[in-house]
Amino acid sequence: MIVVTGATGNVGRPLVRALTETGQRVTAVSRATAAVPEGVRHVVADLERPETLRDAVEGADALFLLVSGAGAHLDVGRVLDVARAGGVGKVVLLSSQAAGTRPDSVSHAPLRAIEDTVRASGLAWTVLRPGGFASNAAAWAGSIRAGRTVAAPFGEVALPVVDPADIAEVAAEALRHDHHGRVHELTGPEPVTPRQRAEAIGDALGVPVRFVEQTREQARQQMLAFMPEPVVEGTLAIIGEPTPAERRVSPHVREVLGRDPRSFADWVRRHVDLFREDTIRPSG
């Protein structure tokens, strides 16, 4: 039995599907009642209250641990204690590339501390460190539907954003096989700029999508509406002044899955309806 926390999110949902397609028994955990694939057990639990996980992990072999935000609000040691008491012997943690590239930053130091807790837990462990998610482009859906426009900062700064489906498939491999003690850095196949991402969405729609470059301060004010200030500052630093390591394409998706990572354009093609209005139709 494999327990998947965050089972209804961008990574958790395809992870549950990938595991069930290989015949694994899965318990999907989320903070609210949710629809899950047939044959999947669903448990409502909250990592902020580790005791609520007891039913989910009872008799389980492995745990996929996804924390919200940077996880600073969680007692991950207690979460792992509950998992161990239920029989869990392996944990796969979804961390962040920045926990390795910026371990002392206010925004990502909590994730690095969680990694350290997982390593010291006595459980077999694997850490996944993805870069920026391709699915973050979904935040542009409203402006594209309304006016075929994307507004973002740092229009010419390219990063190799990763498809959440690739993260899920790597996680499934780590949960099913022996990846103990390994840290997988997960990226897409090539760096792409925000301007190029907007163009890729326009190509998929068959209509032009205009890119408007924001100033750093305009982006900051917009992000503060839904993100804590330390996270905003950390995010702006990564997307505006990435380190060489953050710009680099990692080989780990290929090493684990035996294929190249999916491109941003591929993610767009699979999710193009997010950006489509009834008035926006492919040309031709």
C-alpha atoms as a PDB file:
ATOM      1  CA  MET A   1       0.000   0.000   0.000  1.00  0.00           C
ATOM      2  CA  ILE A   2       1.296   3.435  -0.981  1.00  0.00           C
ATOM      3  CA  VAL A   3      -0.052   6.589   0.664  1.00  0.00           C
ATOM      4  CA  VAL A   4      -0.129   9.770  -1.431  1.00  0.00           C
ATOM      5  CA  THR A   5      -0.600  13.087   0.353  1.00  0.00           C
ATOM      6  CA  GLY A   6      -1.701  16.082  -1.693  1.00  0.00           C
ATOM      7  CA  ALA A   7      -3.489  13.531  -3.858  1.00  0.00           C
ATOM      8  CA  THR A   8      -5.759  15.995  -5.679  1.00  0.00           C
ATOM      9  CA  GLY A   9      -3.059  18.442  -6.830  1.00  0.00           C
ATOM     10  CA  ASN A  10      -0.974  18.903  -9.973  1.00  0.00           C
ATOM     11  CA  VAL A  11       1.457  16.160  -8.929  1.00  0.00           C
ATOM     12  CA  GLY A  12      -0.690  14.031  -6.642  1.00  0.00           C
ATOM     13  CA  ARG A  13      -3.459  13.377  -9.137  1.00  0.00           C
ATOM     14  CA  PRO A  14      -1.227  11.993 -11.921  1.00  0.00           C
ATOM     15  CA  LEU A  15       0.830  10.133  -9.296  1.00  0.00           C
ATOM     16  CA  VAL A  16      -2.255   8.298  -8.035  1.00  0.00           C
ATOM     17  CA  ARG A  17      -3.111   7.431 -11.632  1.00  0.00           C
ATOM     18  CA  ALA A  18       0.428   6.247 -12.428  1.00  0.00           C
ATOM     19  CA  LEU A  19       0.507   3.994  -9.383  1.00  0.00           C
ATOM     20  CA  THR A  20      -2.903   2.455  -9.977  1.00  0.00           C
ATOM     21  CA  GLU A  21      -2.041   1.784 -13.625  1.00  0.00           C
ATOM     22  CA  THR A  22       0.848  -0.406 -12.425  1.00  0.00           C
ATOM     23  CA  GLY A  23      -1.413  -2.341 -10.072  1.00  0.00           C
ATOM     24  CA  GLN A  24      -0.406  -0.654  -6.816  1.00  0.00           C
ATOM     25  CA  ARG A  25      -2.841  -0.300  -3.955  1.00  0.00           C
ATOM     26  CA  VAL A  26      -3.139   3.405  -3.172  1.00  0.00           C
ATOM     27  CA  THR A  27      -4.551   5.502  -0.367  1.00  0.00           C
ATOM     28  CA  ALA A  28      -5.169   9.058  -1.546  1.00  0.00           C
ATOM     29  CA  VAL A  29      -5.007  11.714   1.175  1.00  0.00           C
ATOM     30  CA  SER A  30      -6.430  15.209   0.882  1.00  0.00           C
ATOM     31  CA  ARG A  31      -7.726  17.840   3.265  1.00  0.00           C
ATOM     32  CA  ALA A  32     -11.262  17.642   1.888  1.00  0.00           C
ATOM     33  CA  THR A  33     -13.495  15.019   0.346  1.00  0.00           C
ATOM     34  CA  ALA A  34     -12.559  14.486  -3.289  1.00  0.00           C
ATOM     35  CA  ALA A  35     -13.229  12.184  -6.201  1.00  0.00           C
ATOM     36  CA  VAL A  36     -10.510   9.583  -6.755  1.00  0.00           C
ATOM     37  CA  PRO A  37     -10.094   6.823  -9.363  1.00  0.00           C
ATOM     38  CA  GLU A  38     -12.074   3.639  -8.909  1.00  0.00           C
ATOM     39  CA  GLY A  39     -10.360   1.244  -6.530  1.00  0.00           C
ATOM     40  CA  VAL A  40      -8.399   3.970  -4.736  1.00  0.00           C
ATOM     41  CA  ARG A  41      -9.029   4.418  -1.033  1.00  0.00           C
ATOM     42  CA  HIS A  42      -9.548   8.034   0.026  1.00  0.00           C
ATOM     43  CA  VAL A  43      -8.847   9.453   3.477  1.00  0.00           C
ATOM     44  CA  VAL A  44      -9.423  13.024   4.633  1.00  0.00           C
ATOM     45  CA  ALA A  45      -6.444  14.151   6.736  1.00  0.00           C
ATOM     46  CA  ASP A  46      -4.387  17.263   7.392  1.00  0.00           C
ATOM     47  CA  LEU A  47      -0.602  17.276   7.823  1.00  0.00           C
ATOM     48  CA  GLU A  48      -0.998  20.141  10.282  1.00  0.00           C
ATOM     49  CA  ARG A  49      -2.670  17.559  12.555  1.00  0.00           C
ATOM     50  CA  PRO A  50      -0.453  14.479  12.149  1.00  0.00           C
ATOM     51  CA  GLU A  51      -2.746  12.294  14.217  1.00  0.00           C
ATOM     52  CA  THR A  52      -5.346  12.520  11.422  1.00  0.00           C
ATOM     53  CA  LEU A  53      -2.978  10.467   9.238  1.00  0.00           C
ATOM     54  CA  ARG A  54      -3.142   7.368  11.435  1.00  0.00           C
ATOM     55  CA  ASP A  55      -5.935   5.702   9.502  1.00  0.00           C
ATOM     56  CA  ALA A  56      -4.304   6.501   6.143  1.00  0.00           C
ATOM     57  CA  VAL A  57      -0.895   5.009   6.977  1.00  0.00           C
ATOM     58  CA  GLU A  58      -2.056   1.940   8.901  1.00  0.00           C
ATOM     59  CA  GLY A  59      -0.536  -1.051   7.119  1.00  0.00           C
ATOM     60  CA  ALA A  60       1.107   1.107   4.436  1.00  0.00           C
ATOM     61  CA  ASP A  61       4.566   0.470   3.004  1.00  0.00           C
ATOM     62  CA  ALA A  62       5.477   3.854   1.507  1.00  0.00           C
ATOM     63  CA  LEU A  63       4.496   7.504   1.794  1.00  0.00           C
ATOM     64  CA  PHE A  64       4.623  10.303  -0.758  1.00  0.00           C
ATOM     65  CA  LEU A  65       5.003  13.469   1.293  1.00  0.00           C
ATOM     66  CA  LEU A  66       3.897  16.755  -0.254  1.00  0.00           C
ATOM     67  CA  VAL A  67       3.870  19.809   2.010  1.00  0.00           C
ATOM     68  CA  SER A  68       2.054  23.048   1.247  1.00  0.00           C
ATOM     69  CA  GLY A  69       4.161  26.147   0.804  1.00  0.00           C
ATOM     70  CA  ALA A  70       7.618  25.691   2.286  1.00  0.00           C
ATOM     71  CA  GLY A  71       6.228  23.553   5.115  1.00  0.00           C
ATOM     72  CA  ALA A  72       7.455  25.828   7.911  1.00  0.00           C
ATOM     73  CA  HIS A  73       4.100  25.452   9.675  1.00  0.00           C
ATOM     74  CA  LEU A  74       4.365  21.653   9.897  1.00  0.00           C
ATOM     75  CA  ASP A  75       5.865  19.282  12.451  1.00  0.00           C
ATOM     76  CA  VAL A  76       7.240  16.872   9.858  1.00  0.00           C
ATOM     77  CA  GLY A  77       9.042  14.856  12.525  1.00  0.00           C
ATOM     78  CA  ARG A  78       5.685  14.038  14.080  1.00  0.00           C
ATOM     79  CA  VAL A  79       4.210  13.232  10.646  1.00  0.00           C
ATOM     80  CA  LEU A  80       7.000  10.724  10.090  1.00  0.00           C
ATOM     81  CA  ASP A  81       6.534   9.266  13.574  1.00  0.00           C
ATOM     82  CA  VAL A  82       2.883   8.580  12.765  1.00  0.00           C
ATOM     83  CA  ALA A  83       3.849   7.070   9.405  1.00  0.00           C
ATOM     84  CA  ARG A  84       6.485   4.813  10.977  1.00  0.00           C
ATOM     85  CA  ALA A  85       4.049   3.628  13.650  1.00  0.00           C
ATOM     86  CA  GLY A  86       1.627   2.653  10.880  1.00  0.00           C
ATOM     87  CA  GLY A  87       4.227   0.479   9.185  1.00  0.00           C
ATOM     88  CA  VAL A  88       5.652   2.862   6.580  1.00  0.00           C
ATOM     89  CA  GLY A  89       9.259   2.040   5.722  1.00  0.00           C
ATOM     90  CA  LYS A  90       9.869   4.435   2.827  1.00  0.00           C
ATOM     91  CA  VAL A  91       9.166   8.133   2.230  1.00  0.00           C
ATOM     92  CA  VAL A  92       9.473  10.098  -0.991  1.00  0.00           C
ATOM     93  CA  LEU A  93       9.534  13.835  -0.293  1.00  0.00           C
ATOM     94  CA  LEU A  94       8.543  16.463  -2.845  1.00  0.00           C
ATOM     95  CA  SER A  95      10.905  19.326  -2.084  1.00  0.00           C
ATOM     96  CA  SER A  96      12.176  22.072  -4.411  1.00  0.00           C
ATOM     97  CA  GLN A  97      15.244  22.702  -6.514  1.00  0.00           C
ATOM     98  CA  ALA A  98      15.805  25.862  -4.453  1.00  0.00           C
ATOM     99  CA  ALA A  99      16.277  23.768  -1.299  1.00  0.00           C
ATOM    100  CA  GLY A 100      19.563  22.811  -2.935  1.00  0.00           C
ATOM    101  CA  THR A 101      20.436  26.027  -4.773  1.00  0.00           C
ATOM    102  CA  ARG A 102      19.273  28.477  -2.071  1.00  0.00           C
ATOM    103  CA  PRO A 103      19.249  26.481   1.188  1.00  0.00           C
ATOM    104  CA  ASP A 104      19.714  29.547   3.395  1.00  0.00           C
ATOM    105  CA  SER A 105      17.035  31.731   1.799  1.00  0.00           C
ATOM    106  CA  VAL A 106      14.089  32.661   4.002  1.00  0.00           C
ATOM    107  CA  SER A 107      11.707  31.252   1.405  1.00  0.00           C
ATOM    108  CA  HIS A 108      13.316  27.810   1.050  1.00  0.00           C
ATOM    109  CA  ALA A 109      15.265  27.125   4.259  1.00  0.00           C
ATOM    110  CA  PRO A 110      12.178  25.421   5.785  1.00  0.00           C
ATOM    111  CA  LEU A 111      12.113  22.904   2.932  1.00  0.00           C
ATOM    112  CA  ARG A 112      15.802  22.170   3.420  1.00  0.00           C
ATOM    113  CA  ALA A 113      15.081  21.573   7.119  1.00  0.00           C
ATOM    114  CA  ILE A 114      12.306  19.153   6.158  1.00  0.00           C
ATOM    115  CA  GLU A 115      14.742  17.315   3.894  1.00  0.00           C
ATOM    116  CA  ASP A 116      17.127  16.992   6.844  1.00  0.00           C
ATOM    117  CA  THR A 117      14.308  15.640   9.016  1.00  0.00           C
ATOM    118  CA  VAL A 118      13.427  13.039   6.389  1.00  0.00           C
ATOM    119  CA  ARG A 119      17.069  11.962   6.052  1.00  0.00           C
ATOM    120  CA  ALA A 120      17.382  11.530   9.824  1.00  0.00           C
ATOM    121  CA  SER A 121      14.082   9.667  10.191  1.00  0.00           C
ATOM    122  CA  GLY A 122      15.481   6.148   9.905  1.00  0.00           C
ATOM    123  CA  LEU A 123      13.148   5.504   6.967  1.00  0.00           C
ATOM    124  CA  ALA A 124      14.343   4.735   3.459  1.00  0.00           C
ATOM    125  CA  TRP A 125      14.119   8.092   1.718  1.00  0.00           C
ATOM    126  CA  THR A 126      14.196   9.793  -1.663  1.00  0.00           C
ATOM    127  CA  VAL A 127      14.055  13.552  -2.221  1.00  0.00           C
ATOM    128  CA  LEU A 128      12.612  15.088  -5.389  1.00  0.00           C
ATOM    129  CA  ARG A 129      13.720  18.633  -6.192  1.00  0.00           C
ATOM    130  CA  PRO A 130      11.733  19.988  -9.144  1.00  0.00           C
ATOM    131  CA  GLY A 131      12.350  23.384 -10.666  1.00  0.00           C
ATOM    132  CA  GLY A 132       9.489  25.676 -11.648  1.00  0.00           C
ATOM    133  CA  PHE A 133       6.307  23.911 -12.719  1.00  0.00           C
ATOM    134  CA  ALA A 134       5.018  24.213 -16.280  1.00  0.00           C
ATOM    135  CA  SER A 135       1.544  24.292 -14.736  1.00  0.00           C
ATOM    136  CA  ASN A 136       2.271  27.694 -13.166  1.00  0.00           C
ATOM    137  CA  ALA A 137       1.245  29.052 -16.570  1.00  0.00           C
ATOM    138  CA  ALA A 138      -2.346  28.250 -15.587  1.00  0.00           C
ATOM    139  CA  ALA A 139      -2.235  31.535 -13.652  1.00  0.00           C
ATOM    140  CA  TRP A 140      -2.327  33.263 -17.036  1.00  0.00           C
ATOM    141  CA  ALA A 141      -5.558  31.581 -18.100  1.00  0.00           C
ATOM    142  CA  GLY A 142      -7.870  34.423 -17.093  1.00  0.00           C
ATOM    143  CA  SER A 143      -5.970  37.144 -18.959  1.00  0.00           C
ATOM    144  CA  ILE A 144      -5.579  34.929 -22.020  1.00  0.00           C
ATOM    145  CA  ARG A 145      -9.272  34.081 -22.111  1.00  0.00           C
ATOM    146  CA  ALA A 146     -10.249  37.715 -21.555  1.00  0.00           C
ATOM    147  CA  GLY A 147      -7.765  39.475 -23.799  1.00  0.00           C
ATOM    148  CA  ARG A 148      -5.239  37.033 -25.299  1.00  0.00           C
ATOM    149  CA  THR A 149      -2.558  38.658 -23.134  1.00  0.00           C
ATOM    150  CA  VAL A 150       0.123  37.425 -20.736  1.00  0.00           C
ATOM    151  CA  ALA A 151       1.721  39.826 -18.253  1.00  0.00           C
ATOM    152  CA  ALA A 152       4.863  38.612 -16.486  1.00  0.00           C
ATOM    153  CA  PRO A 153       8.273  39.893 -15.399  1.00  0.00           C
ATOM    154  CA  PHE A 154      11.697  38.914 -16.756  1.00  0.00           C
ATOM    155  CA  GLY A 155      10.435  38.105 -20.217  1.00  0.00           C
ATOM    156  CA  GLU A 156      13.806  37.006 -21.576  1.00  0.00           C
ATOM    157  CA  VAL A 157      15.007  34.916 -18.606  1.00  0.00           C
ATOM    158  CA  ALA A 158      14.845  31.246 -19.550  1.00  0.00           C
ATOM    159  CA  LEU A 159      14.329  28.385 -17.092  1.00  0.00           C
ATOM    160  CA  PRO A 160      13.763  24.656 -17.787  1.00  0.00           C
ATOM    161  CA  VAL A 161      10.291  24.360 -16.247  1.00  0.00           C
ATOM    162  CA  VAL A 162       9.131  20.818 -15.508  1.00  0.00           C
ATOM    163  CA  ASP A 163       5.854  19.095 -16.323  1.00  0.00           C
ATOM    164  CA  PRO A 164       4.091  17.894 -13.132  1.00  0.00           C
ATOM    165  CA  ALA A 165       3.291  14.644 -14.941  1.00  0.00           C
ATOM    166  CA  ASP A 166       7.035  13.940 -15.141  1.00  0.00           C
ATOM    167  CA  ILE A 167       7.413  14.650 -11.430  1.00  0.00           C
ATOM    168  CA  ALA A 168       4.584  12.202 -10.771  1.00  0.00           C
ATOM    169  CA  GLU A 169       6.147   9.464 -12.899  1.00  0.00           C
ATOM    170  CA  VAL A 170       9.529   9.860 -11.194  1.00  0.00           C
ATOM    171  CA  ALA A 171       7.781   9.755  -7.817  1.00  0.00           C
ATOM    172  CA  ALA A 172       5.980   6.558  -8.820  1.00  0.00           C
ATOM    173  CA  GLU A 173       9.282   4.931  -9.749  1.00  0.00           C
ATOM    174  CA  ALA A 174      10.868   6.010  -6.456  1.00  0.00           C
ATOM    175  CA  LEU A 175       7.915   4.678  -4.476  1.00  0.00           C
ATOM    176  CA  ARG A 176       7.873   1.337  -6.274  1.00  0.00           C
ATOM    177  CA  HIS A 177      11.611   0.689  -6.538  1.00  0.00           C
ATOM    178  CA  ASP A 178      14.801   1.252  -4.554  1.00  0.00           C
ATOM    179  CA  HIS A 179      15.921   4.874  -4.811  1.00  0.00           C
ATOM    180  CA  HIS A 180      17.055   5.082  -1.194  1.00  0.00           C
ATOM    181  CA  GLY A 181      19.369   7.962  -0.402  1.00  0.00           C
ATOM    182  CA  ARG A 182      18.968   9.613  -3.802  1.00  0.00           C
ATOM    183  CA  VAL A 183      18.127  13.240  -4.603  1.00  0.00           C
ATOM    184  CA  HIS A 184      16.505  13.688  -8.012  1.00  0.00           C
ATOM    185  CA  GLU A 185      16.567  17.186  -9.495  1.00  0.00           C
ATOM    186  CA  LEU A 186      13.758  17.444 -12.014  1.00  0.00           C
ATOM    187  CA  THR A 187      13.568  19.904 -14.906  1.00  0.00           C
ATOM    188  CA  GLY A 188      12.154  20.153 -18.387  1.00  0.00           C
ATOM    189  CA  PRO A 189      14.212  19.422 -21.534  1.00  0.00           C
ATOM    190  CA  GLU A 190      15.235  23.014 -22.312  1.00  0.00           C
ATOM    191  CA  PRO A 191      15.095  26.504 -20.822  1.00  0.00           C
ATOM    192  CA  VAL A 192      12.137  28.591 -22.033  1.00  0.00           C
ATOM    193  CA  THR A 193      11.435  32.264 -21.366  1.00  0.00           C
ATOM    194  CA  PRO A 194       8.054  33.651 -20.255  1.00  0.00           C
ATOM    195  CA  ARG A 195       7.738  35.233 -23.704  1.00  0.00           C
ATOM    196  CA  GLN A 196       8.325  31.846 -25.355  1.00  0.00           C
ATOM    197  CA  ARG A 197       5.775  30.230 -23.035  1.00  0.00           C
ATOM    198  CA  ALA A 198       3.173  32.796 -24.096  1.00  0.00           C
ATOM    199  CA  GLU A 199       4.014  32.070 -27.738  1.00  0.00           C
ATOM    200  CA  ALA A 200       3.600  28.337 -27.141  1.00  0.00           C
ATOM    201  CA  ILE A 201       0.125  28.927 -25.709  1.00  0.00           C
ATOM    202  CA  GLY A 202      -0.768  31.058 -28.730  1.00  0.00           C
ATOM    203  CA  ASP A 203       0.486  28.335 -31.055  1.00  0.00           C
ATOM    204  CA  ALA A 204      -1.699  25.760 -29.321  1.00  0.00           C
ATOM    205  CA  LEU A 205      -4.730  28.044 -29.494  1.00  0.00           C
ATOM    206  CA  GLY A 206      -4.063  29.045 -33.083  1.00  0.00           C
ATOM    207  CA  VAL A 207      -4.266  32.753 -32.231  1.00  0.00           C
ATOM    208  CA  PRO A 208      -1.619  35.291 -31.185  1.00  0.00           C
ATOM    209  CA  VAL A 209      -1.084  35.802 -27.459  1.00  0.00           C
ATOM    210  CA  ARG A 210       0.488  39.166 -26.630  1.00  0.00           C
ATOM    211  CA  PHE A 211       3.245  39.296 -24.011  1.00  0.00           C
ATOM    212  CA  VAL A 212       3.443  42.344 -21.727  1.00  0.00           C
ATOM    213  CA  GLU A 213       6.557  42.574 -19.575  1.00  0.00           C
ATOM    214  CA  GLN A 214       5.911  43.655 -15.997  1.00  0.00           C
ATOM    215  CA  THR A 215       8.406  45.451 -13.818  1.00  0.00           C
ATOM    216  CA  ARG A 216       9.703  43.558 -10.812  1.00  0.00           C
ATOM    217  CA  GLU A 217       7.621  45.779  -8.523  1.00  0.00           C
ATOM    218  CA  GLN A 218       4.431  45.237 -10.530  1.00  0.00           C
ATOM    219  CA  ALA A 219       4.946  41.485 -10.309  1.00  0.00           C
ATOM    220  CA  ARG A 220       5.754  41.742  -6.613  1.00  0.00           C
ATOM    221  CA  GLN A 221       2.540  43.595  -5.811  1.00  0.00           C
ATOM    222  CA  GLN A 222       0.482  41.113  -7.808  1.00  0.00           C
ATOM    223  CA  MET A 223       2.100  38.108  -6.105  1.00  0.00           C
ATOM    224  CA  LEU A 224       1.676  39.565  -2.604  1.00  0.00           C
ATOM    225  CA  ALA A 225      -2.078  39.173  -3.045  1.00  0.00           C
ATOM    226  CA  PHE A 226      -1.772  35.393  -2.691  1.00  0.00           C
ATOM    227  CA  MET A 227       1.759  34.599  -1.428  1.00  0.00           C
ATOM    228  CA  PRO A 228       3.653  35.496   1.778  1.00  0.00           C
ATOM    229  CA  GLU A 229       6.327  38.147   1.280  1.00  0.00           C
ATOM    230  CA  PRO A 230       9.334  35.821   1.853  1.00  0.00           C
ATOM    231  CA  VAL A 231       7.985  33.426  -0.767  1.00  0.00           C
ATOM    232  CA  VAL A 232       7.393  36.308  -3.184  1.00  0.00           C
ATOM    233  CA  GLU A 233      10.941  37.586  -2.761  1.00  0.00           C
ATOM    234  CA  GLY A 234      12.390  34.095  -3.127  1.00  0.00           C
ATOM    235  CA  THR A 235      10.354  33.424  -6.252  1.00  0.00           C
ATOM    236  CA  LEU A 236      11.319  36.732  -7.860  1.00  0.00           C
ATOM    237  CA  ALA A 237      14.978  36.013  -7.157  1.00  0.00           C
ATOM    238  CA  ILE A 238      14.768  32.636  -8.879  1.00  0.00           C
ATOM    239  CA  ILE A 239      12.833  33.753 -11.959  1.00  0.00           C
ATOM    240  CA  GLY A 240      14.717  37.036 -12.290  1.00  0.00           C
ATOM    241  CA  GLU A 241      18.288  36.178 -11.303  1.00  0.00           C
ATOM    242  CA  PRO A 242      18.565  32.376 -11.546  1.00  0.00           C
ATOM    243  CA  THR A 243      21.831  30.721 -10.625  1.00  0.00           C
ATOM    244  CA  PRO A 244      23.675  28.621 -13.219  1.00  0.00           C
ATOM    245  CA  ALA A 245      22.355  25.512 -11.443  1.00  0.00           C
ATOM    246  CA  GLU A 246      18.766  26.762 -11.788  1.00  0.00           C
ATOM    247  CA  ARG A 247      19.246  27.377 -15.514  1.00  0.00           C
ATOM    248  CA  ARG A 248      20.747  23.933 -16.110  1.00  0.00           C
ATOM    249  CA  VAL A 249      18.794  21.025 -17.597  1.00  0.00           C
ATOM    250  CA  SER A 250      19.023  18.057 -15.233  1.00  0.00           C
ATOM    251  CA  PRO A 251      19.517  14.514 -16.594  1.00  0.00           C
ATOM    252  CA  HIS A 252      17.532  12.883 -13.783  1.00  0.00           C
ATOM    253  CA  VAL A 253      14.138  12.563 -15.517  1.00  0.00           C
ATOM    254  CA  ARG A 254      15.830  10.711 -18.359  1.00  0.00           C
ATOM    255  CA  GLU A 255      17.899   8.582 -15.966  1.00  0.00           C
ATOM    256  CA  VAL A 256      14.823   7.486 -14.003  1.00  0.00           C
ATOM    257  CA  LEU A 257      12.226   7.208 -16.777  1.00  0.00           C
ATOM    258  CA  GLY A 258      14.421   6.295 -19.760  1.00  0.00           C
ATOM    259  CA  ARG A 259      13.041   9.126 -21.900  1.00  0.00           C
ATOM    260  CA  ASP A 260      13.406  12.867 -22.281  1.00  0.00           C
ATOM    261  CA  PRO A 261      11.272  15.102 -20.073  1.00  0.00           C
ATOM    262  CA  ARG A 262       8.131  16.547 -21.593  1.00  0.00           C
ATOM    263  CA  SER A 263       8.411  20.034 -23.077  1.00  0.00           C
ATOM    264  CA  PHE A 264       6.423  23.079 -22.013  1.00  0.00           C
ATOM    265  CA  ALA A 265       4.680  22.978 -25.396  1.00  0.00           C
ATOM    266  CA  ASP A 266       3.558  19.424 -24.663  1.00  0.00           C
ATOM    267  CA  TRP A 267       2.073  20.530 -21.324  1.00  0.00           C
ATOM    268  CA  VAL A 268       0.212  23.320 -23.133  1.00  0.00           C
ATOM    269  CA  ARG A 269      -1.212  20.983 -25.768  1.00  0.00           C
ATOM    270  CA  ARG A 270      -2.628  18.719 -23.058  1.00  0.00           C
ATOM    271  CA  HIS A 271      -4.137  21.644 -21.133  1.00  0.00           C
ATOM    272  CA  VAL A 272      -5.034  24.069 -23.904  1.00  0.00           C
ATOM    273  CA  ASP A 273      -8.702  24.195 -22.871  1.00  0.00           C
ATOM    274  CA  LEU A 274      -7.628  26.134 -19.768  1.00  0.00           C
ATOM    275  CA  PHE A 275      -6.852  29.048 -22.064  1.00  0.00           C
ATOM    276  CA  ARG A 276      -9.670  28.718 -24.587  1.00  0.00           C
ATOM    277  CA  GLU A 277     -12.737  30.930 -24.719  1.00  0.00           C
ATOM    278  CA  ASP A 278     -15.693  30.165 -26.957  1.00  0.00           C
ATOM    279  CA  THR A 279     -14.532  33.095 -29.087  1.00  0.00           C
ATOM    280  CA  ILE A 280     -10.984  31.736 -29.410  1.00  0.00           C
ATOM    281  CA  ARG A 281     -10.763  29.041 -32.043  1.00  0.00           C
ATOM    282  CA  PRO A 282      -7.799  27.527 -33.831  1.00  0.00           C
ATOM    283  CA  SER A 283      -7.187  29.213 -37.172  1.00  0.00           C
ATOM    284  CA  GLY A 284      -7.756  27.227 -40.317  1.00  0.00           C
END
